[in-house]
């Protein structure tokens, strides 16, 4: 886990964006969507078209009885900033010995700094697996569990998971990776396409999607 490149790393933040201009599109009606992160405008259920079509491709590769369950896609800048600041405040209380710079890096394990956040570009999706009738499968932790809450089990390759949870993570990762998405290794549920982290991981010269209003 020490070799994980965090999204706050200069190797990520220095990557340029060549905005494709692709639209944000509604996921609802095309994939199963959970409402726990819903907002009045329905922004949470929107993604860039290129990401959504790749998710549909991944869905088609799942074995019978398994479904992708989208929890959150697009996130407004103001929401992203609030989440980052609130989590940073929690870390300052828990780890008072940390410097502001260390807090910034530690916070980026769980939530992206607003200047590089892929959710604000519609380029990232938080998702899990469920059955045909919508029952969520065992993934080892809940979606959005922090490293502190889960004792590190939120990391995609965390040790000590049950065989069932490990199988489900491998199944989810296999179809998403094959569809061209990349995972943020500190969050098994977070996958993206076309953002800076995707560019860094795949060796692309630039990101395809930058932050945009809803």
C-alpha atoms as a PDB file:
ATOM      1  CA  UNK A   1       0.000   0.000   0.000  1.00  0.00           C
ATOM      2  CA  UNK A   2       2.991   2.265   0.474  1.00  0.00           C
ATOM      3  CA  UNK A   3       3.434   2.343  -3.302  1.00  0.00           C
ATOM      4  CA  UNK A   4      -0.016   3.819  -3.943  1.00  0.00           C
ATOM      5  CA  UNK A   5       0.055   7.149  -5.781  1.00  0.00           C
ATOM      6  CA  UNK A   6      -2.459   9.433  -4.082  1.00  0.00           C
ATOM      7  CA  UNK A   7      -4.573  11.830  -6.101  1.00  0.00           C
ATOM      8  CA  UNK A   8      -2.879  14.800  -4.405  1.00  0.00           C
ATOM      9  CA  UNK A   9       0.478  13.703  -5.820  1.00  0.00           C
ATOM     10  CA  UNK A  10       2.114  16.198  -8.249  1.00  0.00           C
ATOM     11  CA  UNK A  11       2.352  13.355 -10.767  1.00  0.00           C
ATOM     12  CA  UNK A  12      -1.435  13.541 -10.945  1.00  0.00           C
ATOM     13  CA  UNK A  13      -2.155  17.228 -10.409  1.00  0.00           C
ATOM     14  CA  UNK A  14       0.408  18.291 -13.037  1.00  0.00           C
ATOM     15  CA  UNK A  15      -1.350  16.414 -15.857  1.00  0.00           C
ATOM     16  CA  UNK A  16      -3.097  18.837 -18.251  1.00  0.00           C
ATOM     17  CA  UNK A  17      -6.739  18.599 -19.252  1.00  0.00           C
ATOM     18  CA  UNK A  18      -7.788  18.714 -22.889  1.00  0.00           C
ATOM     19  CA  UNK A  19     -11.526  19.015 -22.379  1.00  0.00           C
ATOM     20  CA  UNK A  20     -13.497  16.843 -24.788  1.00  0.00           C
ATOM     21  CA  UNK A  21     -16.725  18.779 -24.348  1.00  0.00           C
ATOM     22  CA  UNK A  22     -18.648  15.552 -23.843  1.00  0.00           C
ATOM     23  CA  UNK A  23     -22.035  15.923 -22.171  1.00  0.00           C
ATOM     24  CA  UNK A  24     -23.065  14.836 -18.725  1.00  0.00           C
ATOM     25  CA  UNK A  25     -25.824  12.265 -19.163  1.00  0.00           C
ATOM     26  CA  UNK A  26     -28.335  10.700 -16.779  1.00  0.00           C
ATOM     27  CA  UNK A  27     -27.433   7.189 -15.675  1.00  0.00           C
ATOM     28  CA  UNK A  28     -30.991   6.405 -14.555  1.00  0.00           C
ATOM     29  CA  UNK A  29     -32.771   4.145 -16.984  1.00  0.00           C
ATOM     30  CA  UNK A  30     -29.477   2.763 -18.276  1.00  0.00           C
ATOM     31  CA  UNK A  31     -27.971   1.331 -15.057  1.00  0.00           C
ATOM     32  CA  UNK A  32     -29.328   0.547 -11.609  1.00  0.00           C
ATOM     33  CA  UNK A  33     -28.918   3.593  -9.336  1.00  0.00           C
ATOM     34  CA  UNK A  34     -29.057   3.794  -5.536  1.00  0.00           C
ATOM     35  CA  UNK A  35     -30.512   6.903  -3.915  1.00  0.00           C
ATOM     36  CA  UNK A  36     -28.422   7.245  -0.762  1.00  0.00           C
ATOM     37  CA  UNK A  37     -26.376  10.131  -2.199  1.00  0.00           C
ATOM     38  CA  UNK A  38     -29.199  11.745  -4.149  1.00  0.00           C
ATOM     39  CA  UNK A  39     -29.577  15.518  -4.385  1.00  0.00           C
ATOM     40  CA  UNK A  40     -32.608  17.593  -5.413  1.00  0.00           C
ATOM     41  CA  UNK A  41     -31.216  18.299  -8.893  1.00  0.00           C
ATOM     42  CA  UNK A  42     -30.247  14.680  -9.549  1.00  0.00           C
ATOM     43  CA  UNK A  43     -26.626  15.627 -10.231  1.00  0.00           C
ATOM     44  CA  UNK A  44     -25.411  12.499  -8.443  1.00  0.00           C
ATOM     45  CA  UNK A  45     -26.881  10.310 -11.198  1.00  0.00           C
ATOM     46  CA  UNK A  46     -24.984  11.958 -14.071  1.00  0.00           C
ATOM     47  CA  UNK A  47     -21.716  10.944 -15.749  1.00  0.00           C
ATOM     48  CA  UNK A  48     -19.846  11.762 -18.922  1.00  0.00           C
ATOM     49  CA  UNK A  49     -21.172   9.746 -21.834  1.00  0.00           C
ATOM     50  CA  UNK A  50     -17.819   8.032 -22.409  1.00  0.00           C
ATOM     51  CA  UNK A  51     -17.742   6.751 -18.848  1.00  0.00           C
ATOM     52  CA  UNK A  52     -21.363   5.623 -18.905  1.00  0.00           C
ATOM     53  CA  UNK A  53     -20.974   3.618 -22.108  1.00  0.00           C
ATOM     54  CA  UNK A  54     -17.974   1.851 -20.563  1.00  0.00           C
ATOM     55  CA  UNK A  55     -20.022   1.031 -17.471  1.00  0.00           C
ATOM     56  CA  UNK A  56     -22.711  -0.445 -19.700  1.00  0.00           C
ATOM     57  CA  UNK A  57     -20.033  -2.573 -21.353  1.00  0.00           C
ATOM     58  CA  UNK A  58     -18.853  -3.723 -17.927  1.00  0.00           C
ATOM     59  CA  UNK A  59     -22.414  -4.536 -16.884  1.00  0.00           C
ATOM     60  CA  UNK A  60     -22.799  -6.770 -19.940  1.00  0.00           C
ATOM     61  CA  UNK A  61     -19.751  -8.800 -18.862  1.00  0.00           C
ATOM     62  CA  UNK A  62     -21.044  -9.628 -15.379  1.00  0.00           C
ATOM     63  CA  UNK A  63     -22.271 -13.173 -14.741  1.00  0.00           C
ATOM     64  CA  UNK A  64     -26.013 -13.761 -14.625  1.00  0.00           C
ATOM     65  CA  UNK A  65     -27.546 -12.499 -11.407  1.00  0.00           C
ATOM     66  CA  UNK A  66     -25.044  -9.693 -10.812  1.00  0.00           C
ATOM     67  CA  UNK A  67     -25.666  -6.000 -11.406  1.00  0.00           C
ATOM     68  CA  UNK A  68     -23.664  -2.800 -11.058  1.00  0.00           C
ATOM     69  CA  UNK A  69     -25.190  -0.439  -8.507  1.00  0.00           C
ATOM     70  CA  UNK A  70     -24.244   3.218  -9.047  1.00  0.00           C
ATOM     71  CA  UNK A  71     -24.088   5.203  -5.797  1.00  0.00           C
ATOM     72  CA  UNK A  72     -22.681   8.570  -6.920  1.00  0.00           C
ATOM     73  CA  UNK A  73     -21.346  10.121 -10.091  1.00  0.00           C
ATOM     74  CA  UNK A  74     -21.134  13.864 -10.667  1.00  0.00           C
ATOM     75  CA  UNK A  75     -20.530  16.057  -7.605  1.00  0.00           C
ATOM     76  CA  UNK A  76     -20.706  19.880  -7.636  1.00  0.00           C
ATOM     77  CA  UNK A  77     -17.548  21.793  -6.733  1.00  0.00           C
ATOM     78  CA  UNK A  78     -19.123  23.269  -3.603  1.00  0.00           C
ATOM     79  CA  UNK A  79     -20.022  19.796  -2.359  1.00  0.00           C
ATOM     80  CA  UNK A  80     -16.565  18.424  -3.108  1.00  0.00           C
ATOM     81  CA  UNK A  81     -14.935  21.297  -1.219  1.00  0.00           C
ATOM     82  CA  UNK A  82     -17.221  20.805   1.780  1.00  0.00           C
ATOM     83  CA  UNK A  83     -16.518  17.058   2.002  1.00  0.00           C
ATOM     84  CA  UNK A  84     -12.755  17.587   1.770  1.00  0.00           C
ATOM     85  CA  UNK A  85     -12.780  20.312   4.417  1.00  0.00           C
ATOM     86  CA  UNK A  86     -14.976  18.300   6.799  1.00  0.00           C
ATOM     87  CA  UNK A  87     -12.811  15.201   6.532  1.00  0.00           C
ATOM     88  CA  UNK A  88      -9.647  17.288   6.955  1.00  0.00           C
ATOM     89  CA  UNK A  89     -11.152  18.747  10.137  1.00  0.00           C
ATOM     90  CA  UNK A  90     -11.822  15.241  11.457  1.00  0.00           C
ATOM     91  CA  UNK A  91      -8.219  14.256  10.778  1.00  0.00           C
ATOM     92  CA  UNK A  92      -6.894  17.338  12.583  1.00  0.00           C
ATOM     93  CA  UNK A  93      -8.808  16.273  15.698  1.00  0.00           C
ATOM     94  CA  UNK A  94      -7.736  12.640  15.437  1.00  0.00           C
ATOM     95  CA  UNK A  95      -4.104  13.380  14.542  1.00  0.00           C
ATOM     96  CA  UNK A  96      -3.214  16.752  16.122  1.00  0.00           C
ATOM     97  CA  UNK A  97       0.502  16.101  15.550  1.00  0.00           C
ATOM     98  CA  UNK A  98       0.059  16.274  11.768  1.00  0.00           C
ATOM     99  CA  UNK A  99       1.120  19.369   9.840  1.00  0.00           C
ATOM    100  CA  UNK A 100      -1.342  21.061   7.433  1.00  0.00           C
ATOM    101  CA  UNK A 101       0.557  19.500   4.530  1.00  0.00           C
ATOM    102  CA  UNK A 102       0.305  16.035   6.062  1.00  0.00           C
ATOM    103  CA  UNK A 103      -3.415  16.513   6.700  1.00  0.00           C
ATOM    104  CA  UNK A 104      -3.911  17.487   3.053  1.00  0.00           C
ATOM    105  CA  UNK A 105      -2.180  14.330   1.849  1.00  0.00           C
ATOM    106  CA  UNK A 106      -3.941  12.098   4.393  1.00  0.00           C
ATOM    107  CA  UNK A 107      -7.329  13.513   3.451  1.00  0.00           C
ATOM    108  CA  UNK A 108      -6.685  12.709  -0.203  1.00  0.00           C
ATOM    109  CA  UNK A 109      -6.717   8.987   0.615  1.00  0.00           C
ATOM    110  CA  UNK A 110     -10.483   9.301   0.993  1.00  0.00           C
ATOM    111  CA  UNK A 111     -11.635  12.437  -0.802  1.00  0.00           C
ATOM    112  CA  UNK A 112      -9.989  14.328  -3.651  1.00  0.00           C
ATOM    113  CA  UNK A 113      -8.767  17.910  -3.274  1.00  0.00           C
ATOM    114  CA  UNK A 114     -11.173  20.044  -5.258  1.00  0.00           C
ATOM    115  CA  UNK A 115      -8.559  21.100  -7.827  1.00  0.00           C
ATOM    116  CA  UNK A 116      -8.131  17.523  -9.108  1.00  0.00           C
ATOM    117  CA  UNK A 117     -11.419  15.900  -8.099  1.00  0.00           C
ATOM    118  CA  UNK A 118     -12.760  13.600 -10.840  1.00  0.00           C
ATOM    119  CA  UNK A 119     -16.310  13.601  -9.472  1.00  0.00           C
ATOM    120  CA  UNK A 120     -16.599  17.315 -10.310  1.00  0.00           C
ATOM    121  CA  UNK A 121     -15.839  16.421 -13.922  1.00  0.00           C
ATOM    122  CA  UNK A 122     -18.383  13.608 -14.130  1.00  0.00           C
ATOM    123  CA  UNK A 123     -15.397  11.345 -14.709  1.00  0.00           C
ATOM    124  CA  UNK A 124     -15.662   9.186 -11.576  1.00  0.00           C
ATOM    125  CA  UNK A 125     -18.280   6.840 -10.220  1.00  0.00           C
ATOM    126  CA  UNK A 126     -18.733   5.267  -6.801  1.00  0.00           C
ATOM    127  CA  UNK A 127     -20.421   1.918  -7.253  1.00  0.00           C
ATOM    128  CA  UNK A 128     -20.832  -1.591  -5.916  1.00  0.00           C
ATOM    129  CA  UNK A 129     -22.380  -4.918  -6.866  1.00  0.00           C
ATOM    130  CA  UNK A 130     -25.905  -6.103  -6.164  1.00  0.00           C
ATOM    131  CA  UNK A 131     -28.219  -8.959  -7.074  1.00  0.00           C
ATOM    132  CA  UNK A 132     -30.939  -8.715  -9.689  1.00  0.00           C
ATOM    133  CA  UNK A 133     -33.411  -7.631  -6.991  1.00  0.00           C
ATOM    134  CA  UNK A 134     -31.088  -4.902  -5.670  1.00  0.00           C
ATOM    135  CA  UNK A 135     -29.597  -6.568  -2.586  1.00  0.00           C
ATOM    136  CA  UNK A 136     -26.037  -5.325  -2.099  1.00  0.00           C
ATOM    137  CA  UNK A 137     -23.316  -7.954  -2.001  1.00  0.00           C
ATOM    138  CA  UNK A 138     -20.570  -8.286   0.594  1.00  0.00           C
ATOM    139  CA  UNK A 139     -17.611  -6.148  -0.480  1.00  0.00           C
ATOM    140  CA  UNK A 140     -15.797  -6.093   2.854  1.00  0.00           C
ATOM    141  CA  UNK A 141     -16.850  -2.555   3.816  1.00  0.00           C
ATOM    142  CA  UNK A 142     -19.671  -0.207   3.000  1.00  0.00           C
ATOM    143  CA  UNK A 143     -19.280   2.265   0.146  1.00  0.00           C
ATOM    144  CA  UNK A 144     -17.569   5.443   1.421  1.00  0.00           C
ATOM    145  CA  UNK A 145     -16.085   3.829   4.547  1.00  0.00           C
ATOM    146  CA  UNK A 146     -13.074   5.877   5.644  1.00  0.00           C
ATOM    147  CA  UNK A 147      -9.659   4.315   6.340  1.00  0.00           C
ATOM    148  CA  UNK A 148     -10.195   5.051  10.036  1.00  0.00           C
ATOM    149  CA  UNK A 149     -13.682   3.514  10.178  1.00  0.00           C
ATOM    150  CA  UNK A 150     -12.668   0.389   8.278  1.00  0.00           C
ATOM    151  CA  UNK A 151      -9.163  -0.045   9.712  1.00  0.00           C
ATOM    152  CA  UNK A 152      -7.867   0.152   6.152  1.00  0.00           C
ATOM    153  CA  UNK A 153     -10.260  -2.437   4.711  1.00  0.00           C
ATOM    154  CA  UNK A 154     -11.536   0.195   2.265  1.00  0.00           C
ATOM    155  CA  UNK A 155      -8.246  -0.185   0.356  1.00  0.00           C
ATOM    156  CA  UNK A 156      -8.960  -2.253  -2.743  1.00  0.00           C
ATOM    157  CA  UNK A 157      -6.242  -4.819  -2.022  1.00  0.00           C
ATOM    158  CA  UNK A 158      -6.589  -4.782   1.756  1.00  0.00           C
ATOM    159  CA  UNK A 159      -5.607  -8.018   3.505  1.00  0.00           C
ATOM    160  CA  UNK A 160      -7.891  -9.904   5.844  1.00  0.00           C
ATOM    161  CA  UNK A 161     -11.079  -9.777   3.783  1.00  0.00           C
ATOM    162  CA  UNK A 162     -13.468 -12.706   3.695  1.00  0.00           C
ATOM    163  CA  UNK A 163     -13.262 -14.954   0.642  1.00  0.00           C
ATOM    164  CA  UNK A 164     -16.709 -13.737  -0.402  1.00  0.00           C
ATOM    165  CA  UNK A 165     -15.760 -10.054  -0.230  1.00  0.00           C
ATOM    166  CA  UNK A 166     -12.481 -10.707  -2.042  1.00  0.00           C
ATOM    167  CA  UNK A 167     -14.343 -12.589  -4.786  1.00  0.00           C
ATOM    168  CA  UNK A 168     -16.808  -9.751  -5.252  1.00  0.00           C
ATOM    169  CA  UNK A 169     -14.060  -7.118  -5.419  1.00  0.00           C
ATOM    170  CA  UNK A 170     -12.207  -9.211  -7.992  1.00  0.00           C
ATOM    171  CA  UNK A 171     -15.380  -9.619 -10.040  1.00  0.00           C
ATOM    172  CA  UNK A 172     -16.153  -5.898  -9.958  1.00  0.00           C
ATOM    173  CA  UNK A 173     -12.590  -4.908 -10.732  1.00  0.00           C
ATOM    174  CA  UNK A 174     -12.272  -7.399 -13.561  1.00  0.00           C
ATOM    175  CA  UNK A 175     -15.181  -6.064 -15.607  1.00  0.00           C
ATOM    176  CA  UNK A 176     -14.414  -2.408 -14.910  1.00  0.00           C
ATOM    177  CA  UNK A 177     -10.729  -2.762 -15.747  1.00  0.00           C
ATOM    178  CA  UNK A 178     -11.622  -4.557 -18.981  1.00  0.00           C
ATOM    179  CA  UNK A 179     -13.948  -1.672 -19.865  1.00  0.00           C
ATOM    180  CA  UNK A 180     -11.104   0.847 -19.555  1.00  0.00           C
ATOM    181  CA  UNK A 181     -11.745   2.286 -16.096  1.00  0.00           C
ATOM    182  CA  UNK A 182      -9.113   2.727 -13.384  1.00  0.00           C
ATOM    183  CA  UNK A 183      -9.514   2.296  -9.648  1.00  0.00           C
ATOM    184  CA  UNK A 184      -8.374   4.640  -6.888  1.00  0.00           C
ATOM    185  CA  UNK A 185      -6.599   2.026  -4.733  1.00  0.00           C
ATOM    186  CA  UNK A 186      -7.649   3.449  -1.368  1.00  0.00           C
ATOM    187  CA  UNK A 187     -11.345   3.082  -2.257  1.00  0.00           C
ATOM    188  CA  UNK A 188     -12.533  -0.203  -3.781  1.00  0.00           C
ATOM    189  CA  UNK A 189     -15.763   1.485  -4.950  1.00  0.00           C
ATOM    190  CA  UNK A 190     -14.186   4.460  -6.779  1.00  0.00           C
ATOM    191  CA  UNK A 191     -13.513   4.037 -10.508  1.00  0.00           C
ATOM    192  CA  UNK A 192     -12.882   6.637 -13.175  1.00  0.00           C
ATOM    193  CA  UNK A 193     -12.277   7.256 -16.839  1.00  0.00           C
ATOM    194  CA  UNK A 194     -10.877  10.335 -18.597  1.00  0.00           C
ATOM    195  CA  UNK A 195      -9.695  12.197 -15.480  1.00  0.00           C
ATOM    196  CA  UNK A 196      -6.140  13.013 -14.380  1.00  0.00           C
ATOM    197  CA  UNK A 197      -5.789   9.868 -12.282  1.00  0.00           C
ATOM    198  CA  UNK A 198      -6.858   7.779 -15.269  1.00  0.00           C
ATOM    199  CA  UNK A 199      -4.295   9.616 -17.411  1.00  0.00           C
ATOM    200  CA  UNK A 200      -1.528   9.016 -14.879  1.00  0.00           C
ATOM    201  CA  UNK A 201      -2.422   5.331 -14.553  1.00  0.00           C
ATOM    202  CA  UNK A 202      -2.726   4.642 -18.280  1.00  0.00           C
ATOM    203  CA  UNK A 203       0.094   6.897 -19.460  1.00  0.00           C
ATOM    204  CA  UNK A 204      -2.182   9.235 -21.414  1.00  0.00           C
ATOM    205  CA  UNK A 205      -0.685  12.646 -22.163  1.00  0.00           C
ATOM    206  CA  UNK A 206      -3.715  14.513 -20.846  1.00  0.00           C
ATOM    207  CA  UNK A 207      -7.066  14.084 -19.166  1.00  0.00           C
ATOM    208  CA  UNK A 208     -10.234  14.183 -21.266  1.00  0.00           C
ATOM    209  CA  UNK A 209     -12.569  15.704 -18.705  1.00  0.00           C
ATOM    210  CA  UNK A 210     -12.149  18.696 -16.406  1.00  0.00           C
ATOM    211  CA  UNK A 211     -14.384  20.178 -13.718  1.00  0.00           C
ATOM    212  CA  UNK A 212     -17.623  21.622 -15.059  1.00  0.00           C
ATOM    213  CA  UNK A 213     -20.911  23.018 -13.757  1.00  0.00           C
ATOM    214  CA  UNK A 214     -23.979  20.819 -13.715  1.00  0.00           C
END
